[in-house]
Protein backbone atom coordinates (compact mmCIF):
# COMPACT_ATOMS: atom_id res chain seq x y z
CA MET A 1 -15.06 -8.31 -17.91
CA LEU A 2 -11.57 -9.37 -19.00
CA LYS A 3 -11.17 -12.30 -21.33
CA ASN A 4 -9.39 -15.42 -20.06
CA LYS A 5 -7.58 -16.34 -23.20
CA PHE A 6 -6.49 -14.89 -26.61
CA THR A 7 -5.79 -18.29 -28.17
CA ASN A 8 -6.64 -21.95 -27.69
CA PHE A 9 -3.15 -22.84 -26.57
CA ASN A 10 -3.21 -24.53 -23.13
CA LEU A 11 -0.25 -22.63 -21.67
CA GLU A 12 -0.79 -19.04 -22.75
CA CYS A 13 1.36 -16.49 -20.99
CA GLY A 14 0.62 -12.83 -20.48
CA THR A 15 3.45 -10.39 -19.90
CA ASP A 16 3.67 -6.70 -19.03
CA GLU A 17 6.07 -4.17 -17.47
CA ALA A 18 5.96 -1.28 -14.98
CA GLY A 19 8.13 1.75 -14.41
CA ARG A 20 9.07 2.50 -18.01
CA GLY A 21 8.57 6.25 -17.58
CA CYS A 22 10.34 6.60 -14.25
CA LEU A 23 13.51 8.69 -13.58
CA ALA A 24 14.87 6.30 -11.02
CA GLY A 25 14.84 2.54 -10.24
CA PRO A 26 14.29 -0.52 -12.42
CA VAL A 27 11.84 -1.30 -15.14
CA THR A 28 10.05 -4.38 -13.84
CA ALA A 29 8.30 -7.10 -15.88
CA ALA A 30 6.19 -10.07 -14.97
CA ALA A 31 4.98 -13.15 -16.90
CA VAL A 32 1.98 -15.14 -15.80
CA ILE A 33 0.34 -18.34 -16.95
CA LEU A 34 -3.20 -18.76 -15.74
CA SER A 35 -5.54 -21.71 -15.96
CA ASP A 36 -8.51 -21.74 -18.27
CA SER A 37 -10.88 -21.57 -15.24
CA PHE A 38 -9.12 -18.61 -13.54
CA ASN A 39 -11.47 -15.81 -12.79
CA LEU A 40 -10.92 -12.70 -10.67
CA ASP A 41 -13.61 -10.03 -10.90
CA LEU A 42 -11.48 -7.18 -9.49
CA LEU A 43 -8.60 -7.85 -11.84
CA ASN A 44 -7.77 -5.04 -14.35
CA ASP A 45 -4.90 -2.97 -15.66
CA SER A 46 -2.85 -2.17 -12.49
CA LYS A 47 -3.01 1.55 -13.38
CA LYS A 48 -6.76 1.49 -12.96
CA LEU A 49 -6.52 -0.11 -9.52
CA SER A 50 -5.83 1.40 -6.13
CA GLU A 51 -2.71 0.32 -4.26
CA LYS A 52 -5.01 -1.47 -1.69
CA VAL A 53 -6.70 -3.46 -4.39
CA ARG A 54 -3.40 -4.32 -6.09
CA GLU A 55 -2.00 -5.62 -2.78
CA LYS A 56 -5.16 -7.65 -2.26
CA LEU A 57 -4.90 -9.29 -5.70
CA ARG A 58 -1.21 -10.11 -5.65
CA PRO A 59 -1.31 -13.16 -3.29
CA ILE A 60 -4.36 -14.48 -5.12
CA ILE A 61 -2.54 -14.30 -8.45
CA ILE A 62 0.57 -15.90 -7.00
CA GLU A 63 -1.44 -18.68 -5.38
CA GLU A 64 -3.59 -19.56 -8.39
CA ALA A 65 -1.18 -18.99 -11.29
CA ILE A 66 0.12 -22.08 -13.02
CA SER A 67 3.40 -20.26 -13.18
CA PHE A 68 4.66 -16.67 -12.71
CA SER A 69 7.95 -14.76 -12.60
CA VAL A 70 9.17 -11.23 -12.10
CA THR A 71 12.32 -9.58 -13.39
CA HIS A 72 13.94 -6.23 -12.57
CA ILE A 73 16.19 -4.51 -15.15
CA TYR A 74 18.09 -1.93 -13.20
CA ASN A 75 18.96 1.66 -14.15
CA VAL A 76 22.58 0.99 -15.16
CA GLU A 77 21.42 -1.52 -17.76
CA ILE A 78 18.60 0.76 -18.87
CA ASP A 79 21.20 3.48 -19.55
CA GLU A 80 23.24 0.97 -21.50
CA ILE A 81 20.61 -0.58 -23.75
CA ASN A 82 17.77 2.07 -23.55
CA ILE A 83 14.43 1.77 -21.90
CA LEU A 84 12.52 0.11 -24.76
CA ASN A 85 15.10 -2.66 -25.06
CA ALA A 86 15.24 -2.94 -21.25
CA SER A 87 11.50 -3.34 -21.09
CA ILE A 88 11.41 -6.06 -23.72
CA LYS A 89 14.38 -7.80 -22.09
CA ALA A 90 12.71 -7.81 -18.74
CA MET A 91 9.69 -9.58 -20.23
CA GLN A 92 11.93 -12.04 -22.13
CA GLU A 93 13.83 -12.87 -18.87
CA SER A 94 10.53 -13.39 -17.05
CA ILE A 95 9.27 -15.76 -19.70
CA LEU A 96 12.44 -17.86 -19.56
CA LYS A 97 11.99 -18.25 -15.82
CA LEU A 98 8.51 -19.79 -16.06
CA ASN A 99 8.03 -23.44 -15.30
CA PRO A 100 6.28 -24.79 -17.25
CA LEU A 101 7.22 -22.72 -20.25
CA PRO A 102 4.36 -21.20 -22.29
CA ASN A 103 3.45 -22.26 -25.76
CA TYR A 104 1.98 -18.86 -26.67
CA ILE A 105 2.69 -15.38 -25.36
CA ILE A 106 0.56 -12.24 -25.33
CA VAL A 107 2.37 -8.98 -24.71
CA ASP A 108 0.87 -5.69 -23.56
CA GLY A 109 1.61 -2.75 -25.93
CA ASN A 110 2.70 -2.51 -29.56
CA SER A 111 6.29 -3.57 -29.33
CA PRO A 112 7.06 -7.14 -30.45
CA LEU A 113 8.59 -9.51 -27.94
CA THR A 114 11.22 -10.50 -30.55
CA PRO A 115 12.02 -7.30 -32.49
CA LYS A 116 12.92 -7.42 -36.20
CA GLY A 117 16.47 -6.40 -35.37
CA GLY A 118 16.86 -9.52 -33.18
CA ILE A 119 17.11 -10.08 -29.44
CA LYS A 120 19.37 -7.56 -27.71
CA ASN A 121 22.01 -9.76 -26.06
CA LYS A 122 24.10 -7.31 -24.05
CA GLY A 123 24.14 -5.78 -20.67
CA GLY A 124 23.20 -7.64 -17.49
CA LYS A 125 22.08 -11.23 -18.22
CA LEU A 126 23.32 -12.59 -21.49
CA PHE A 127 21.03 -15.10 -23.19
CA THR A 128 22.51 -18.46 -24.21
CA ASP A 129 21.96 -19.66 -27.78
CA SER A 130 19.34 -22.10 -26.52
CA GLU A 131 17.48 -19.39 -24.67
CA ILE A 132 17.43 -17.16 -27.81
CA GLU A 133 16.20 -20.10 -29.88
CA LEU A 134 13.46 -20.75 -27.33
CA LEU A 135 12.30 -17.14 -27.27
CA LEU A 136 12.16 -17.09 -31.07
CA SER A 137 10.26 -20.37 -31.18
CA ILE A 138 7.28 -19.36 -29.06
CA PRO A 139 4.58 -17.59 -31.07
CA ASN A 140 3.51 -14.25 -29.61
CA THR A 141 1.21 -11.36 -30.20
CA SER A 142 1.41 -7.72 -28.94
CA ILE A 143 -1.96 -6.31 -27.88
CA ILE A 144 -2.49 -2.56 -27.41
CA LYS A 145 -4.14 -2.06 -24.02
CA GLY A 146 -3.92 -5.77 -23.44
CA ASP A 147 -3.78 -5.24 -19.72
CA SER A 148 -7.38 -4.10 -19.78
CA LYS A 149 -8.50 -6.90 -22.14
CA PHE A 150 -6.90 -10.19 -20.93
CA MET A 151 -6.53 -11.59 -17.47
CA SER A 152 -3.03 -12.96 -17.82
CA ILE A 153 -1.64 -9.60 -18.97
CA ALA A 154 -3.61 -7.76 -16.24
CA ALA A 155 -2.23 -10.23 -13.65
CA ALA A 156 1.28 -9.59 -15.00
CA SER A 157 0.74 -5.83 -14.74
CA VAL A 158 -0.32 -6.19 -11.09
CA LEU A 159 2.70 -8.28 -10.18
CA ALA A 160 5.09 -6.04 -12.07
CA LYS A 161 3.70 -2.90 -10.43
CA THR A 162 3.58 -4.27 -6.81
CA TYR A 163 7.01 -5.89 -6.95
CA ARG A 164 8.54 -2.71 -8.36
CA ASP A 165 6.76 -0.60 -5.68
CA ASP A 166 8.28 -2.86 -3.02
CA TYR A 167 11.74 -2.21 -4.49
CA MET A 168 11.21 1.56 -4.57
CA ASN A 169 9.94 1.47 -0.98
CA THR A 170 13.12 -0.22 0.04
CA ILE A 171 15.51 2.22 -1.64
CA HIS A 172 13.42 5.11 -0.27
CA GLU A 173 14.86 4.23 3.11
CA GLU A 174 18.37 4.97 1.76
CA PHE A 175 17.38 8.23 0.01
CA PRO A 176 14.19 9.43 1.75
CA MET A 177 14.60 13.00 0.43
CA TYR A 178 13.34 11.90 -3.04
CA ASN A 179 10.14 10.45 -1.48
CA TRP A 180 10.26 7.39 -3.68
CA LYS A 181 7.82 5.68 -1.26
CA LYS A 182 5.20 8.03 -2.69
CA ASN A 183 6.20 8.83 -6.26
CA LYS A 184 7.90 5.53 -6.99
CA GLY A 185 10.54 7.27 -9.14
CA TYR A 186 8.11 8.91 -11.56
CA PRO A 187 8.86 12.45 -12.77
CA THR A 188 6.67 14.34 -10.32
CA GLN A 189 7.45 17.97 -9.52
CA GLU A 190 8.52 16.91 -6.03
CA HIS A 191 10.98 14.31 -7.44
CA ARG A 192 12.52 16.79 -9.85
CA ASP A 193 12.80 19.51 -7.14
CA ALA A 194 14.68 16.95 -4.99
CA ILE A 195 17.09 16.25 -7.91
CA ARG A 196 17.72 19.99 -8.22
CA LYS A 197 18.47 20.22 -4.49
CA TYR A 198 20.34 16.97 -3.80
CA GLY A 199 21.60 15.86 -7.23
CA VAL A 200 21.29 12.38 -8.69
CA THR A 201 21.82 9.04 -6.96
CA LYS A 202 23.12 5.64 -8.00
CA TYR A 203 19.52 4.68 -8.70
CA HIS A 204 18.72 7.42 -11.21
CA ARG A 205 18.62 6.75 -14.95
CA LYS A 206 21.42 9.04 -16.27
CA SER A 207 20.22 8.61 -19.93
CA PHE A 208 16.87 10.21 -19.02
CA ARG A 209 16.04 13.92 -18.96
CA LEU A 210 15.97 14.19 -15.23
CA LEU A 211 15.31 17.89 -15.13
CA THR A 212 12.99 19.81 -17.49
CA GLU A 213 15.68 22.41 -18.10
CA GLN A 214 18.12 19.80 -19.35
CA LEU A 215 16.95 20.25 -22.92
CA GLN A 216 17.85 23.95 -22.88
CA LEU A 217 21.16 23.30 -21.25
CA GLU A 218 22.02 20.70 -23.91
CA LEU A 219 21.08 23.06 -26.70
């Protein structure tokens, strides 16, 4: 059974991302604020749920959330600022789009929402000074495997996963030979075989090791 809250703050937000390890497409983050009374027995880390269950849960989360938002950071920006920074930025952007804004944030994983080196303000959306000040002002905690411990993070993981899957299904129609409708851009053997045969597309992350033999070629 997932816990409803990590703190006693009334507007606690959970945030998570999907698609960090993919070779193509965006990294997608969601942020969700749930009420203290929210309860959804099937809810869990999206990776532990079937596609059918995720699709069943998404409209319930959307309907019952106090606030939610979703952000894609696309492959070009990922290549520019790296995947870790892109994942964090996607969560930061999602939080800024919430209405009302949270007064506490719990983040899945072990990376802080506001890194010691400061907020990366380049590529794609540029944060204003007031947005940076706001992000720095909200207390937050990173929780390893938080998506299997707290409802708001689990809800964010479901939204991030399903919205990203929708995007990959759309671009699959443009490049069906990569079968993104099935592999969603992850480094499956089928995906890498297609890259060998057809090359890379405008949706591939050029900074990633797209083929296993790249390391040998670079050496």
